[in-house]
Amino acid sequence: MELSNNGNGLKKAALVASDESKLARDKLHPAWLALIRYCSELQHGEIERLKIQDGLPTLAEVTTKKVRFG
């Protein structure tokens, strides 16, 4: 991530990070992006079994979500 000393450092760093994120999305297969998005939305939980075929995630079997009280 680049930083700028011209007073716009945060704005420029955010733009560079955005470009890097877009580049990662362009390189990652949609199946990996879907798994990453699912994990992000799950926040807490477990994937007990993940099936991968030809280097790509194809199925998450038995996914449980933990709920803590207190």
PDB file of N, CA and C in Angstrom:
ATOM      1  N   MET A   1       0.842  -1.163   0.000  1.00  0.00           N
ATOM      2  CA  MET A   1       0.000   0.000   0.000  1.00  0.00           C
ATOM      3  C   MET A   1       0.893   1.233   0.000  1.00  0.00           C
ATOM      4  N   GLU A   2       0.650   2.158  -0.893  1.00  0.00           N
ATOM      5  CA  GLU A   2       1.418   3.384  -0.975  1.00  0.00           C
ATOM      6  C   GLU A   2       0.893   4.413   0.009  1.00  0.00           C
ATOM      7  N   LEU A   3       1.790   5.238   0.488  1.00  0.00           N
ATOM      8  CA  LEU A   3       1.400   6.362   1.326  1.00  0.00           C
ATOM      9  C   LEU A   3       1.905   7.630   0.670  1.00  0.00           C
ATOM     10  N   SER A   4       1.183   8.712   0.810  1.00  0.00           N
ATOM     11  CA  SER A   4       1.546   9.982   0.208  1.00  0.00           C
ATOM     12  C   SER A   4       1.849  10.999   1.293  1.00  0.00           C
ATOM     13  N   ASN A   5       2.836  11.848   1.053  1.00  0.00           N
ATOM     14  CA  ASN A   5       3.196  12.886   2.019  1.00  0.00           C
ATOM     15  C   ASN A   5       2.602  14.234   1.654  1.00  0.00           C
ATOM     16  N   ASN A   6       1.689  14.305   0.714  1.00  0.00           N
ATOM     17  CA  ASN A   6       1.154  15.581   0.260  1.00  0.00           C
ATOM     18  C   ASN A   6      -0.127  15.979   0.989  1.00  0.00           C
ATOM     19  N   GLY A   7      -0.414  15.400   2.128  1.00  0.00           N
ATOM     20  CA  GLY A   7      -1.618  15.752   2.869  1.00  0.00           C
ATOM     21  C   GLY A   7      -2.810  14.892   2.500  1.00  0.00           C
ATOM     22  N   ASN A   8      -2.734  14.140   1.422  1.00  0.00           N
ATOM     23  CA  ASN A   8      -3.827  13.269   0.995  1.00  0.00           C
ATOM     24  C   ASN A   8      -3.467  11.811   1.212  1.00  0.00           C
ATOM     25  N   GLY A   9      -2.606  11.538   2.155  1.00  0.00           N
ATOM     26  CA  GLY A   9      -2.093  10.185   2.372  1.00  0.00           C
ATOM     27  C   GLY A   9      -3.168   9.143   2.547  1.00  0.00           C
ATOM     28  N   LEU A  10      -4.148   9.431   3.392  1.00  0.00           N
ATOM     29  CA  LEU A  10      -5.197   8.440   3.641  1.00  0.00           C
ATOM     30  C   LEU A  10      -6.038   8.192   2.401  1.00  0.00           C
ATOM     31  N   LYS A  11      -6.357   9.259   1.692  1.00  0.00           N
ATOM     32  CA  LYS A  11      -7.178   9.107   0.490  1.00  0.00           C
ATOM     33  C   LYS A  11      -6.437   8.289  -0.564  1.00  0.00           C
ATOM     34  N   LYS A  12      -5.154   8.600  -0.779  1.00  0.00           N
ATOM     35  CA  LYS A  12      -4.381   7.879  -1.779  1.00  0.00           C
ATOM     36  C   LYS A  12      -4.193   6.425  -1.369  1.00  0.00           C
ATOM     37  N   ALA A  13      -3.931   6.179  -0.067  1.00  0.00           N
ATOM     38  CA  ALA A  13      -3.761   4.808   0.416  1.00  0.00           C
ATOM     39  C   ALA A  13      -5.040   4.017   0.199  1.00  0.00           C
ATOM     40  N   ALA A  14      -6.190   4.644   0.423  1.00  0.00           N
ATOM     41  CA  ALA A  14      -7.466   3.963   0.219  1.00  0.00           C
ATOM     42  C   ALA A  14      -7.665   3.629  -1.253  1.00  0.00           C
ATOM     43  N   LEU A  15      -7.278   4.538  -2.142  1.00  0.00           N
ATOM     44  CA  LEU A  15      -7.424   4.273  -3.577  1.00  0.00           C
ATOM     45  C   LEU A  15      -6.519   3.130  -4.018  1.00  0.00           C
ATOM     46  N   VAL A  16      -5.287   3.102  -3.505  1.00  0.00           N
ATOM     47  CA  VAL A  16      -4.359   2.022  -3.855  1.00  0.00           C
ATOM     48  C   VAL A  16      -4.886   0.699  -3.322  1.00  0.00           C
ATOM     49  N   ALA A  17      -5.402   0.691  -2.080  1.00  0.00           N
ATOM     50  CA  ALA A  17      -5.965  -0.527  -1.504  1.00  0.00           C
ATOM     51  C   ALA A  17      -7.154  -1.001  -2.329  1.00  0.00           C
ATOM     52  N   SER A  18      -7.972  -0.066  -2.799  1.00  0.00           N
ATOM     53  CA  SER A  18      -9.128  -0.415  -3.624  1.00  0.00           C
ATOM     54  C   SER A  18      -8.666  -1.060  -4.930  1.00  0.00           C
ATOM     55  N   ASP A  19      -7.624  -0.510  -5.534  1.00  0.00           N
ATOM     56  CA  ASP A  19      -7.084  -1.073  -6.771  1.00  0.00           C
ATOM     57  C   ASP A  19      -6.540  -2.480  -6.526  1.00  0.00           C
ATOM     58  N   GLU A  20      -5.848  -2.678  -5.394  1.00  0.00           N
ATOM     59  CA  GLU A  20      -5.312  -3.991  -5.063  1.00  0.00           C
ATOM     60  C   GLU A  20      -6.438  -4.984  -4.836  1.00  0.00           C
ATOM     61  N   SER A  21      -7.515  -4.534  -4.191  1.00  0.00           N
ATOM     62  CA  SER A  21      -8.667  -5.398  -3.943  1.00  0.00           C
ATOM     63  C   SER A  21      -9.302  -5.820  -5.264  1.00  0.00           C
ATOM     64  N   LYS A  22      -9.443  -4.883  -6.193  1.00  0.00           N
ATOM     65  CA  LYS A  22     -10.015  -5.196  -7.503  1.00  0.00           C
ATOM     66  C   LYS A  22      -9.133  -6.195  -8.243  1.00  0.00           C
ATOM     67  N   LEU A  23      -7.820  -6.005  -8.140  1.00  0.00           N
ATOM     68  CA  LEU A  23      -6.893  -6.924  -8.790  1.00  0.00           C
ATOM     69  C   LEU A  23      -7.036  -8.332  -8.213  1.00  0.00           C
ATOM     70  N   ALA A  24      -7.169  -8.434  -6.893  1.00  0.00           N
ATOM     71  CA  ALA A  24      -7.357  -9.741  -6.258  1.00  0.00           C
ATOM     72  C   ALA A  24      -8.654 -10.376  -6.730  1.00  0.00           C
ATOM     73  N   ARG A  25      -9.735  -9.595  -6.834  1.00  0.00           N
ATOM     74  CA  ARG A  25     -11.014 -10.141  -7.299  1.00  0.00           C
ATOM     75  C   ARG A  25     -10.907 -10.631  -8.732  1.00  0.00           C
ATOM     76  N   ASP A  26     -10.135  -9.918  -9.558  1.00  0.00           N
ATOM     77  CA  ASP A  26      -9.966 -10.322 -10.952  1.00  0.00           C
ATOM     78  C   ASP A  26      -9.186 -11.621 -11.071  1.00  0.00           C
ATOM     79  N   LYS A  27      -8.280 -11.891 -10.126  1.00  0.00           N
ATOM     80  CA  LYS A  27      -7.449 -13.081 -10.200  1.00  0.00           C
ATOM     81  C   LYS A  27      -8.075 -14.291  -9.518  1.00  0.00           C
ATOM     82  N   LEU A  28      -8.939 -14.060  -8.521  1.00  0.00           N
ATOM     83  CA  LEU A  28      -9.543 -15.179  -7.789  1.00  0.00           C
ATOM     84  C   LEU A  28     -10.740 -15.726  -8.544  1.00  0.00           C
ATOM     85  N   HIS A  29     -10.851 -17.032  -8.550  1.00  0.00           N
ATOM     86  CA  HIS A  29     -11.996 -17.696  -9.168  1.00  0.00           C
ATOM     87  C   HIS A  29     -13.265 -17.339  -8.387  1.00  0.00           C
ATOM     88  N   PRO A  30     -14.387 -17.203  -9.056  1.00  0.00           N
ATOM     89  CA  PRO A  30     -15.643 -16.866  -8.372  1.00  0.00           C
ATOM     90  C   PRO A  30     -15.999 -17.827  -7.235  1.00  0.00           C
ATOM     91  N   ALA A  31     -15.597 -19.090  -7.332  1.00  0.00           N
ATOM     92  CA  ALA A  31     -15.882 -20.044  -6.255  1.00  0.00           C
ATOM     93  C   ALA A  31     -15.137 -19.651  -4.983  1.00  0.00           C
ATOM     94  N   TRP A  32     -13.882 -19.201  -5.115  1.00  0.00           N
ATOM     95  CA  TRP A  32     -13.113 -18.754  -3.946  1.00  0.00           C
ATOM     96  C   TRP A  32     -13.709 -17.477  -3.382  1.00  0.00           C
ATOM     97  N   LEU A  33     -14.117 -16.573  -4.253  1.00  0.00           N
ATOM     98  CA  LEU A  33     -14.748 -15.334  -3.783  1.00  0.00           C
ATOM     99  C   LEU A  33     -16.028 -15.639  -3.021  1.00  0.00           C
ATOM    100  N   ALA A  34     -16.799 -16.602  -3.492  1.00  0.00           N
ATOM    101  CA  ALA A  34     -18.041 -16.978  -2.809  1.00  0.00           C
ATOM    102  C   ALA A  34     -17.747 -17.557  -1.430  1.00  0.00           C
ATOM    103  N   LEU A  35     -16.705 -18.383  -1.320  1.00  0.00           N
ATOM    104  CA  LEU A  35     -16.328 -18.948  -0.022  1.00  0.00           C
ATOM    105  C   LEU A  35     -15.855 -17.849   0.928  1.00  0.00           C
ATOM    106  N   ILE A  36     -15.040 -16.947   0.445  1.00  0.00           N
ATOM    107  CA  ILE A  36     -14.558 -15.832   1.276  1.00  0.00           C
ATOM    108  C   ILE A  36     -15.721 -14.969   1.737  1.00  0.00           C
ATOM    109  N   ARG A  37     -16.639 -14.677   0.835  1.00  0.00           N
ATOM    110  CA  ARG A  37     -17.817 -13.866   1.179  1.00  0.00           C
ATOM    111  C   ARG A  37     -18.665 -14.587   2.229  1.00  0.00           C
ATOM    112  N   TYR A  38     -18.845 -15.892   2.059  1.00  0.00           N
ATOM    113  CA  TYR A  38     -19.624 -16.678   3.030  1.00  0.00           C
ATOM    114  C   TYR A  38     -18.975 -16.629   4.405  1.00  0.00           C
ATOM    115  N   CYS A  39     -17.653 -16.826   4.457  1.00  0.00           N
ATOM    116  CA  CYS A  39     -16.939 -16.794   5.737  1.00  0.00           C
ATOM    117  C   CYS A  39     -17.060 -15.425   6.387  1.00  0.00           C
ATOM    118  N   SER A  40     -16.990 -14.387   5.591  1.00  0.00           N
ATOM    119  CA  SER A  40     -17.110 -13.030   6.119  1.00  0.00           C
ATOM    120  C   SER A  40     -18.494 -12.787   6.707  1.00  0.00           C
ATOM    121  N   GLU A  41     -19.514 -13.264   6.031  1.00  0.00           N
ATOM    122  CA  GLU A  41     -20.887 -13.088   6.519  1.00  0.00           C
ATOM    123  C   GLU A  41     -21.178 -13.966   7.729  1.00  0.00           C
ATOM    124  N   LEU A  42     -20.544 -15.137   7.808  1.00  0.00           N
ATOM    125  CA  LEU A  42     -20.752 -16.053   8.926  1.00  0.00           C
ATOM    126  C   LEU A  42     -20.216 -15.451  10.221  1.00  0.00           C
ATOM    127  N   GLN A  43     -19.084 -14.779  10.169  1.00  0.00           N
ATOM    128  CA  GLN A  43     -18.402 -14.127  11.285  1.00  0.00           C
ATOM    129  C   GLN A  43     -17.929 -15.113  12.353  1.00  0.00           C
ATOM    130  N   HIS A  44     -18.795 -15.938  12.897  1.00  0.00           N
ATOM    131  CA  HIS A  44     -18.403 -16.941  13.893  1.00  0.00           C
ATOM    132  C   HIS A  44     -19.059 -18.262  13.496  1.00  0.00           C
ATOM    133  N   GLY A  45     -18.316 -19.332  13.584  1.00  0.00           N
ATOM    134  CA  GLY A  45     -18.886 -20.638  13.262  1.00  0.00           C
ATOM    135  C   GLY A  45     -17.815 -21.598  12.810  1.00  0.00           C
ATOM    136  N   GLU A  46     -18.240 -22.709  12.276  1.00  0.00           N
ATOM    137  CA  GLU A  46     -17.317 -23.749  11.832  1.00  0.00           C
ATOM    138  C   GLU A  46     -17.795 -24.330  10.515  1.00  0.00           C
ATOM    139  N   ILE A  47     -16.855 -24.633   9.675  1.00  0.00           N
ATOM    140  CA  ILE A  47     -17.134 -25.430   8.480  1.00  0.00           C
ATOM    141  C   ILE A  47     -16.453 -26.756   8.746  1.00  0.00           C
ATOM    142  N   GLU A  48     -17.251 -27.788   8.968  1.00  0.00           N
ATOM    143  CA  GLU A  48     -16.699 -29.077   9.357  1.00  0.00           C
ATOM    144  C   GLU A  48     -16.009 -29.788   8.199  1.00  0.00           C
ATOM    145  N   ARG A  49     -16.547 -29.667   7.010  1.00  0.00           N
ATOM    146  CA  ARG A  49     -15.958 -30.347   5.860  1.00  0.00           C
ATOM    147  C   ARG A  49     -16.084 -29.448   4.637  1.00  0.00           C
ATOM    148  N   LEU A  50     -14.974 -29.228   3.985  1.00  0.00           N
ATOM    149  CA  LEU A  50     -14.956 -28.413   2.776  1.00  0.00           C
ATOM    150  C   LEU A  50     -14.480 -29.295   1.631  1.00  0.00           C
ATOM    151  N   LYS A  51     -15.296 -29.420   0.608  1.00  0.00           N
ATOM    152  CA  LYS A  51     -14.908 -30.230  -0.549  1.00  0.00           C
ATOM    153  C   LYS A  51     -14.276 -29.325  -1.599  1.00  0.00           C
ATOM    154  N   ILE A  52     -13.122 -29.775  -2.096  1.00  0.00           N
ATOM    155  CA  ILE A  52     -12.406 -29.040  -3.126  1.00  0.00           C
ATOM    156  C   ILE A  52     -12.160 -29.982  -4.291  1.00  0.00           C
ATOM    157  N   GLN A  53     -12.494 -29.522  -5.487  1.00  0.00           N
ATOM    158  CA  GLN A  53     -12.261 -30.306  -6.700  1.00  0.00           C
ATOM    159  C   GLN A  53     -11.520 -29.425  -7.696  1.00  0.00           C
ATOM    160  N   ASP A  54     -10.484 -29.967  -8.302  1.00  0.00           N
ATOM    161  CA  ASP A  54      -9.669 -29.237  -9.273  1.00  0.00           C
ATOM    162  C   ASP A  54      -9.172 -27.907  -8.709  1.00  0.00           C
ATOM    163  N   GLY A  55      -8.862 -27.891  -7.401  1.00  0.00           N
ATOM    164  CA  GLY A  55      -8.320 -26.699  -6.773  1.00  0.00           C
ATOM    165  C   GLY A  55      -9.336 -25.630  -6.427  1.00  0.00           C
ATOM    166  N   LEU A  56     -10.628 -25.956  -6.557  1.00  0.00           N
ATOM    167  CA  LEU A  56     -11.677 -24.979  -6.275  1.00  0.00           C
ATOM    168  C   LEU A  56     -12.648 -25.519  -5.230  1.00  0.00           C
ATOM    169  N   PRO A  57     -13.094 -24.666  -4.308  1.00  0.00           N
ATOM    170  CA  PRO A  57     -14.092 -25.117  -3.343  1.00  0.00           C
ATOM    171  C   PRO A  57     -15.412 -25.397  -4.061  1.00  0.00           C
ATOM    172  N   THR A  58     -16.011 -26.536  -3.745  1.00  0.00           N
ATOM    173  CA  THR A  58     -17.258 -26.887  -4.411  1.00  0.00           C
ATOM    174  C   THR A  58     -18.427 -27.014  -3.441  1.00  0.00           C
ATOM    175  N   LEU A  59     -18.139 -27.375  -2.180  1.00  0.00           N
ATOM    176  CA  LEU A  59     -19.236 -27.621  -1.245  1.00  0.00           C
ATOM    177  C   LEU A  59     -18.747 -27.537   0.187  1.00  0.00           C
ATOM    178  N   ALA A  60     -19.515 -26.868   1.029  1.00  0.00           N
ATOM    179  CA  ALA A  60     -19.243 -26.868   2.470  1.00  0.00           C
ATOM    180  C   ALA A  60     -20.324 -27.717   3.110  1.00  0.00           C
ATOM    181  N   GLU A  61     -19.922 -28.872   3.644  1.00  0.00           N
ATOM    182  CA  GLU A  61     -20.887 -29.769   4.283  1.00  0.00           C
ATOM    183  C   GLU A  61     -20.962 -29.456   5.771  1.00  0.00           C
ATOM    184  N   VAL A  62     -22.146 -29.503   6.308  1.00  0.00           N
ATOM    185  CA  VAL A  62     -22.410 -29.340   7.730  1.00  0.00           C
ATOM    186  C   VAL A  62     -21.718 -28.094   8.268  1.00  0.00           C
ATOM    187  N   THR A  63     -22.389 -27.015   8.156  1.00  0.00           N
ATOM    188  CA  THR A  63     -21.901 -25.754   8.689  1.00  0.00           C
ATOM    189  C   THR A  63     -22.715 -25.426   9.913  1.00  0.00           C
ATOM    190  N   THR A  64     -22.044 -25.162  11.022  1.00  0.00           N
ATOM    191  CA  THR A  64     -22.746 -24.820  12.261  1.00  0.00           C
ATOM    192  C   THR A  64     -22.376 -23.421  12.679  1.00  0.00           C
ATOM    193  N   LYS A  65     -23.299 -22.767  13.302  1.00  0.00           N
ATOM    194  CA  LYS A  65     -23.064 -21.407  13.786  1.00  0.00           C
ATOM    195  C   LYS A  65     -23.122 -21.431  15.308  1.00  0.00           C
ATOM    196  N   LYS A  66     -22.127 -20.828  15.937  1.00  0.00           N
ATOM    197  CA  LYS A  66     -22.085 -20.788  17.390  1.00  0.00           C
ATOM    198  C   LYS A  66     -22.731 -19.495  17.878  1.00  0.00           C
ATOM    199  N   VAL A  67     -23.485 -19.623  18.944  1.00  0.00           N
ATOM    200  CA  VAL A  67     -24.087 -18.451  19.572  1.00  0.00           C
ATOM    201  C   VAL A  67     -23.676 -18.488  21.031  1.00  0.00           C
ATOM    202  N   ARG A  68     -23.014 -17.429  21.488  1.00  0.00           N
ATOM    203  CA  ARG A  68     -22.593 -17.357  22.889  1.00  0.00           C
ATOM    204  C   ARG A  68     -23.517 -16.397  23.623  1.00  0.00           C
ATOM    205  N   PHE A  69     -23.913 -16.782  24.799  1.00  0.00           N
ATOM    206  CA  PHE A  69     -24.762 -15.950  25.628  1.00  0.00           C
ATOM    207  C   PHE A  69     -23.950 -15.490  26.827  1.00  0.00           C
ATOM    208  N   GLY A  70     -23.706 -14.200  26.877  1.00  0.00           N
ATOM    209  CA  GLY A  70     -23.017 -13.614  28.031  1.00  0.00           C
ATOM    210  C   GLY A  70     -21.558 -13.541  27.928  1.00  0.00           C
TER     211      GLY A  70
END
